[in-house]
């Protein structure tokens, strides 16, 4: 496993309670699960920013993000466009010295129903 993957896995592990809260909050506000996407960025200083938002807006933002190479842009777009109604697409960004590590994944929406 690459060092970038370790960083992304650590962000996901650390942020899971935040992700659950964001999704639950969006659902309580009446947003359908099928429209929710997640964006989380860990800055170089360790702070984490992000939130839940419309899938299409998050995908569009990262589909043209100049910090990402073409492969990462394509992975983000495919993750968001291919997510089913019971999945939550997420993009994770970790700022490293001189570059950003990027991961795109689909989370099960089942945990939101349990919150």
N, C-alpha and C. Protein backbone atom coordinates (compact mmCIF):
# COMPACT_ATOMS: atom_id res chain seq x y z
N UNK A 1 0.85 -1.18 0.00
CA UNK A 1 0.00 0.00 0.00
C UNK A 1 0.90 1.24 0.00
N UNK A 2 0.54 2.20 -0.84
CA UNK A 2 1.36 3.41 -0.96
C UNK A 2 1.18 4.30 0.26
N UNK A 3 2.12 5.23 0.44
CA UNK A 3 2.01 6.18 1.55
C UNK A 3 0.79 7.08 1.36
N UNK A 4 0.47 7.42 0.10
CA UNK A 4 -0.73 8.22 -0.15
C UNK A 4 -1.97 7.47 0.31
N UNK A 5 -2.03 6.18 0.03
CA UNK A 5 -3.19 5.40 0.43
C UNK A 5 -3.31 5.33 1.95
N UNK A 6 -2.18 5.24 2.63
CA UNK A 6 -2.20 5.27 4.10
C UNK A 6 -2.77 6.59 4.61
N UNK A 7 -2.37 7.70 4.00
CA UNK A 7 -2.89 9.01 4.39
C UNK A 7 -4.39 9.12 4.16
N UNK A 8 -4.85 8.63 3.01
CA UNK A 8 -6.27 8.68 2.69
C UNK A 8 -7.09 7.78 3.61
N UNK A 9 -6.56 6.59 3.90
CA UNK A 9 -7.23 5.67 4.82
C UNK A 9 -7.34 6.28 6.22
N UNK A 10 -6.28 6.95 6.66
CA UNK A 10 -6.30 7.59 7.99
C UNK A 10 -7.34 8.70 8.02
N UNK A 11 -7.43 9.49 6.96
CA UNK A 11 -8.44 10.55 6.91
C UNK A 11 -9.84 9.94 6.97
N UNK A 12 -10.08 8.90 6.21
CA UNK A 12 -11.40 8.27 6.21
C UNK A 12 -11.73 7.72 7.59
N UNK A 13 -10.80 7.04 8.20
CA UNK A 13 -11.01 6.47 9.53
C UNK A 13 -11.30 7.57 10.55
N UNK A 14 -10.48 8.61 10.54
CA UNK A 14 -10.65 9.70 11.50
C UNK A 14 -11.94 10.49 11.27
N UNK A 15 -12.35 10.58 10.02
CA UNK A 15 -13.49 11.44 9.67
C UNK A 15 -14.83 10.70 9.62
N UNK A 16 -14.84 9.39 9.84
CA UNK A 16 -16.10 8.65 9.72
C UNK A 16 -17.22 9.22 10.60
N UNK A 17 -16.97 9.59 11.86
CA UNK A 17 -18.06 10.19 12.64
C UNK A 17 -18.56 11.51 12.02
N UNK A 18 -17.65 12.28 11.44
CA UNK A 18 -18.03 13.52 10.78
C UNK A 18 -18.87 13.23 9.54
N UNK A 19 -18.46 12.24 8.77
CA UNK A 19 -19.21 11.86 7.58
C UNK A 19 -20.62 11.43 7.97
N UNK A 20 -20.72 10.60 9.00
CA UNK A 20 -22.03 10.14 9.45
C UNK A 20 -22.90 11.32 9.87
N UNK A 21 -22.32 12.27 10.58
CA UNK A 21 -23.08 13.46 11.02
C UNK A 21 -23.51 14.31 9.83
N UNK A 22 -22.63 14.48 8.85
CA UNK A 22 -22.96 15.27 7.66
C UNK A 22 -24.11 14.65 6.87
N UNK A 23 -24.03 13.34 6.68
CA UNK A 23 -25.07 12.65 5.91
C UNK A 23 -26.39 12.68 6.68
N UNK A 24 -26.34 12.39 7.97
CA UNK A 24 -27.56 12.41 8.77
C UNK A 24 -28.19 13.80 8.76
N UNK A 25 -27.37 14.83 8.89
CA UNK A 25 -27.88 16.20 8.86
C UNK A 25 -28.53 16.53 7.53
N UNK A 26 -27.90 16.12 6.44
CA UNK A 26 -28.47 16.38 5.11
C UNK A 26 -29.80 15.65 4.93
N UNK A 27 -29.87 14.41 5.42
CA UNK A 27 -31.12 13.65 5.32
C UNK A 27 -32.21 14.31 6.15
N UNK A 28 -31.88 14.76 7.32
CA UNK A 28 -32.87 15.43 8.18
C UNK A 28 -33.36 16.74 7.58
N UNK A 29 -32.52 17.36 6.75
CA UNK A 29 -32.91 18.59 6.07
C UNK A 29 -33.75 18.31 4.82
N UNK A 30 -33.98 17.03 4.55
CA UNK A 30 -34.83 16.65 3.43
C UNK A 30 -34.11 16.35 2.13
N UNK A 31 -32.78 16.31 2.14
CA UNK A 31 -32.04 15.99 0.92
C UNK A 31 -32.04 14.47 0.72
N UNK A 32 -32.42 14.01 -0.46
CA UNK A 32 -32.40 12.56 -0.72
C UNK A 32 -30.98 12.02 -0.73
N UNK A 33 -30.83 10.81 -0.23
CA UNK A 33 -29.52 10.16 -0.20
C UNK A 33 -28.90 10.12 -1.59
N UNK A 34 -29.73 9.93 -2.60
CA UNK A 34 -29.25 9.81 -3.98
C UNK A 34 -28.62 11.09 -4.51
N UNK A 35 -28.76 12.20 -3.79
CA UNK A 35 -28.19 13.47 -4.25
C UNK A 35 -27.02 13.94 -3.40
N UNK A 36 -26.69 13.21 -2.34
CA UNK A 36 -25.66 13.65 -1.39
C UNK A 36 -24.29 13.13 -1.79
N UNK A 37 -23.31 14.01 -1.75
CA UNK A 37 -21.91 13.66 -1.94
C UNK A 37 -21.11 14.24 -0.78
N UNK A 38 -19.92 13.73 -0.58
CA UNK A 38 -19.06 14.17 0.53
C UNK A 38 -17.73 14.65 -0.02
N UNK A 39 -17.23 15.72 0.55
CA UNK A 39 -15.90 16.25 0.25
C UNK A 39 -15.20 16.51 1.57
N UNK A 40 -14.02 15.93 1.75
CA UNK A 40 -13.20 16.19 2.93
C UNK A 40 -11.78 16.46 2.51
N UNK A 41 -11.20 17.52 3.06
CA UNK A 41 -9.81 17.88 2.78
C UNK A 41 -9.06 18.04 4.09
N UNK A 42 -7.96 17.32 4.21
CA UNK A 42 -7.06 17.50 5.35
C UNK A 42 -5.92 18.40 4.89
N UNK A 43 -5.85 19.57 5.50
CA UNK A 43 -4.81 20.55 5.17
C UNK A 43 -3.45 20.09 5.70
N UNK A 44 -2.43 20.74 5.24
CA UNK A 44 -1.06 20.41 5.65
C UNK A 44 -0.89 20.53 7.16
N UNK A 45 -1.65 21.47 7.78
CA UNK A 45 -1.54 21.66 9.24
C UNK A 45 -2.39 20.67 10.04
N UNK A 46 -3.10 19.77 9.35
CA UNK A 46 -3.89 18.74 10.01
C UNK A 46 -5.37 19.07 10.15
N UNK A 47 -5.77 20.29 9.88
CA UNK A 47 -7.19 20.63 9.98
C UNK A 47 -7.96 19.97 8.84
N UNK A 48 -9.20 19.61 9.15
CA UNK A 48 -10.06 18.96 8.16
C UNK A 48 -11.23 19.88 7.86
N UNK A 49 -11.45 20.13 6.57
CA UNK A 49 -12.56 20.95 6.10
C UNK A 49 -13.36 20.12 5.11
N UNK A 50 -14.58 20.55 4.89
CA UNK A 50 -15.40 19.88 3.89
C UNK A 50 -16.84 19.85 4.31
N UNK A 51 -17.59 18.97 3.67
CA UNK A 51 -18.99 18.87 4.00
C UNK A 51 -19.73 17.98 3.03
N UNK A 52 -21.04 17.97 3.21
CA UNK A 52 -21.93 17.25 2.31
C UNK A 52 -22.54 18.27 1.35
N UNK A 53 -22.77 17.85 0.13
CA UNK A 53 -23.36 18.74 -0.85
C UNK A 53 -23.91 17.96 -2.02
N UNK A 54 -24.46 18.66 -2.98
CA UNK A 54 -24.99 18.00 -4.17
C UNK A 54 -23.87 17.28 -4.93
N UNK A 55 -24.14 16.04 -5.28
CA UNK A 55 -23.15 15.22 -5.98
C UNK A 55 -22.63 15.90 -7.24
N UNK A 56 -23.53 16.46 -8.03
CA UNK A 56 -23.10 17.02 -9.31
C UNK A 56 -22.17 18.21 -9.12
N UNK A 57 -22.38 19.00 -8.08
CA UNK A 57 -21.51 20.15 -7.84
C UNK A 57 -20.11 19.71 -7.40
N UNK A 58 -20.05 18.71 -6.53
CA UNK A 58 -18.75 18.22 -6.07
C UNK A 58 -17.99 17.58 -7.24
N UNK A 59 -18.67 16.76 -8.01
CA UNK A 59 -18.03 16.12 -9.17
C UNK A 59 -17.53 17.16 -10.16
N UNK A 60 -18.34 18.17 -10.43
CA UNK A 60 -17.94 19.21 -11.37
C UNK A 60 -16.70 19.96 -10.87
N UNK A 61 -16.71 20.26 -9.57
CA UNK A 61 -15.57 20.99 -8.99
C UNK A 61 -14.27 20.21 -9.17
N UNK A 62 -14.30 18.92 -8.89
CA UNK A 62 -13.07 18.14 -8.98
C UNK A 62 -12.79 17.65 -10.38
N UNK A 63 -13.78 17.68 -11.24
CA UNK A 63 -13.56 17.33 -12.64
C UNK A 63 -12.72 18.36 -13.37
N UNK A 64 -12.62 19.55 -12.80
CA UNK A 64 -11.81 20.59 -13.42
C UNK A 64 -10.76 21.16 -12.46
N UNK A 65 -10.50 20.48 -11.36
CA UNK A 65 -9.55 20.97 -10.36
C UNK A 65 -8.12 20.88 -10.90
N UNK A 66 -7.42 22.02 -11.01
CA UNK A 66 -6.08 22.00 -11.59
C UNK A 66 -5.04 21.29 -10.71
N UNK A 67 -5.36 21.03 -9.46
CA UNK A 67 -4.41 20.32 -8.58
C UNK A 67 -4.35 18.84 -8.90
N UNK A 68 -5.36 18.33 -9.60
CA UNK A 68 -5.45 16.90 -9.89
C UNK A 68 -4.97 16.60 -11.30
N UNK A 69 -4.32 15.45 -11.45
CA UNK A 69 -3.96 15.01 -12.79
C UNK A 69 -5.20 14.39 -13.44
N UNK A 70 -5.10 14.11 -14.70
CA UNK A 70 -6.24 13.60 -15.47
C UNK A 70 -6.78 12.29 -14.89
N UNK A 71 -5.90 11.42 -14.45
CA UNK A 71 -6.33 10.13 -13.89
C UNK A 71 -7.19 10.33 -12.64
N UNK A 72 -6.77 11.22 -11.75
CA UNK A 72 -7.54 11.48 -10.53
C UNK A 72 -8.86 12.19 -10.84
N UNK A 73 -8.84 13.11 -11.78
CA UNK A 73 -10.09 13.77 -12.18
C UNK A 73 -11.09 12.75 -12.69
N UNK A 74 -10.62 11.87 -13.54
CA UNK A 74 -11.48 10.84 -14.12
C UNK A 74 -12.01 9.90 -13.02
N UNK A 75 -11.16 9.53 -12.07
CA UNK A 75 -11.60 8.65 -10.98
C UNK A 75 -12.69 9.29 -10.15
N UNK A 76 -12.55 10.58 -9.86
CA UNK A 76 -13.58 11.29 -9.09
C UNK A 76 -14.88 11.32 -9.87
N UNK A 77 -14.81 11.69 -11.14
CA UNK A 77 -16.02 11.77 -11.96
C UNK A 77 -16.71 10.41 -12.05
N UNK A 78 -15.95 9.35 -12.28
CA UNK A 78 -16.54 8.01 -12.39
C UNK A 78 -17.17 7.57 -11.07
N UNK A 79 -16.52 7.90 -9.96
CA UNK A 79 -17.06 7.53 -8.66
C UNK A 79 -18.39 8.21 -8.41
N UNK A 80 -18.48 9.50 -8.71
CA UNK A 80 -19.71 10.24 -8.47
C UNK A 80 -20.79 9.86 -9.48
N UNK A 81 -20.43 9.76 -10.75
CA UNK A 81 -21.43 9.44 -11.77
C UNK A 81 -21.96 8.02 -11.65
N UNK A 82 -21.13 7.10 -11.17
CA UNK A 82 -21.52 5.70 -11.08
C UNK A 82 -22.14 5.29 -9.75
N UNK A 83 -22.26 6.22 -8.82
CA UNK A 83 -22.82 5.88 -7.51
C UNK A 83 -24.32 5.62 -7.63
N UNK A 84 -24.77 4.55 -7.00
CA UNK A 84 -26.19 4.23 -7.01
C UNK A 84 -26.92 5.08 -5.97
N UNK A 85 -28.23 4.97 -5.96
CA UNK A 85 -29.05 5.79 -5.05
C UNK A 85 -28.80 5.45 -3.58
N UNK A 86 -28.27 4.26 -3.29
CA UNK A 86 -28.02 3.89 -1.89
C UNK A 86 -26.53 3.98 -1.53
N UNK A 87 -25.76 4.67 -2.35
CA UNK A 87 -24.35 4.89 -2.08
C UNK A 87 -24.09 6.39 -1.94
N UNK A 88 -23.04 6.72 -1.18
CA UNK A 88 -22.64 8.10 -1.00
C UNK A 88 -21.24 8.24 -1.59
N UNK A 89 -21.11 8.94 -2.71
CA UNK A 89 -19.78 9.14 -3.27
C UNK A 89 -19.03 10.17 -2.43
N UNK A 90 -17.74 9.93 -2.27
CA UNK A 90 -16.91 10.83 -1.46
C UNK A 90 -15.57 11.05 -2.14
N UNK A 91 -15.07 12.25 -1.99
CA UNK A 91 -13.71 12.56 -2.44
C UNK A 91 -12.93 13.01 -1.21
N UNK A 92 -11.77 12.41 -1.04
CA UNK A 92 -10.87 12.72 0.07
C UNK A 92 -9.61 13.34 -0.49
N UNK A 93 -9.18 14.43 0.11
CA UNK A 93 -7.98 15.13 -0.34
C UNK A 93 -7.09 15.35 0.87
N UNK A 94 -5.83 14.96 0.75
CA UNK A 94 -4.85 15.21 1.81
C UNK A 94 -3.74 16.05 1.21
N UNK A 95 -3.54 17.23 1.79
CA UNK A 95 -2.48 18.12 1.33
C UNK A 95 -1.14 17.61 1.87
N UNK A 96 -0.23 17.37 0.96
CA UNK A 96 1.12 16.90 1.29
C UNK A 96 2.10 17.97 0.82
N UNK A 97 3.33 17.79 1.16
CA UNK A 97 4.32 18.78 0.75
C UNK A 97 4.51 18.72 -0.76
N UNK A 98 4.02 19.75 -1.45
CA UNK A 98 4.20 19.86 -2.89
C UNK A 98 3.15 19.21 -3.75
N UNK A 99 2.19 18.52 -3.18
CA UNK A 99 1.14 17.87 -3.98
C UNK A 99 -0.05 17.54 -3.08
N UNK A 100 -1.13 17.05 -3.69
CA UNK A 100 -2.27 16.57 -2.93
C UNK A 100 -2.50 15.10 -3.27
N UNK A 101 -2.80 14.31 -2.25
CA UNK A 101 -3.21 12.92 -2.44
C UNK A 101 -4.73 12.93 -2.53
N UNK A 102 -5.29 12.21 -3.50
CA UNK A 102 -6.72 12.23 -3.75
C UNK A 102 -7.25 10.80 -3.80
N UNK A 103 -8.38 10.61 -3.15
CA UNK A 103 -9.06 9.33 -3.20
C UNK A 103 -10.55 9.55 -3.43
N UNK A 104 -11.15 8.70 -4.23
CA UNK A 104 -12.59 8.76 -4.48
C UNK A 104 -13.16 7.38 -4.15
N UNK A 105 -14.26 7.36 -3.41
CA UNK A 105 -14.86 6.10 -3.02
C UNK A 105 -16.36 6.25 -2.86
N UNK A 106 -17.02 5.12 -2.78
CA UNK A 106 -18.47 5.10 -2.54
C UNK A 106 -18.71 4.42 -1.21
N UNK A 107 -19.46 5.11 -0.36
CA UNK A 107 -19.79 4.60 0.96
C UNK A 107 -21.24 4.10 0.94
N UNK A 108 -21.51 3.12 1.76
CA UNK A 108 -22.87 2.61 1.89
C UNK A 108 -23.73 3.64 2.60
N UNK A 109 -24.93 3.85 2.12
CA UNK A 109 -25.85 4.77 2.79
C UNK A 109 -26.52 4.15 3.99
N UNK A 110 -26.27 2.86 4.25
CA UNK A 110 -26.96 2.16 5.34
C UNK A 110 -26.65 2.75 6.70
N UNK A 111 -25.43 3.24 6.92
CA UNK A 111 -25.08 3.75 8.26
C UNK A 111 -25.90 4.99 8.61
N UNK A 112 -26.33 5.76 7.62
CA UNK A 112 -27.11 6.97 7.89
C UNK A 112 -28.46 6.62 8.50
N UNK A 113 -29.01 5.49 8.11
CA UNK A 113 -30.31 5.08 8.64
C UNK A 113 -30.19 4.66 10.11
N UNK A 114 -28.99 4.28 10.52
CA UNK A 114 -28.77 3.84 11.89
C UNK A 114 -28.51 4.99 12.83
N UNK A 115 -28.14 6.16 12.30
CA UNK A 115 -27.78 7.31 13.14
C UNK A 115 -28.99 7.98 13.73
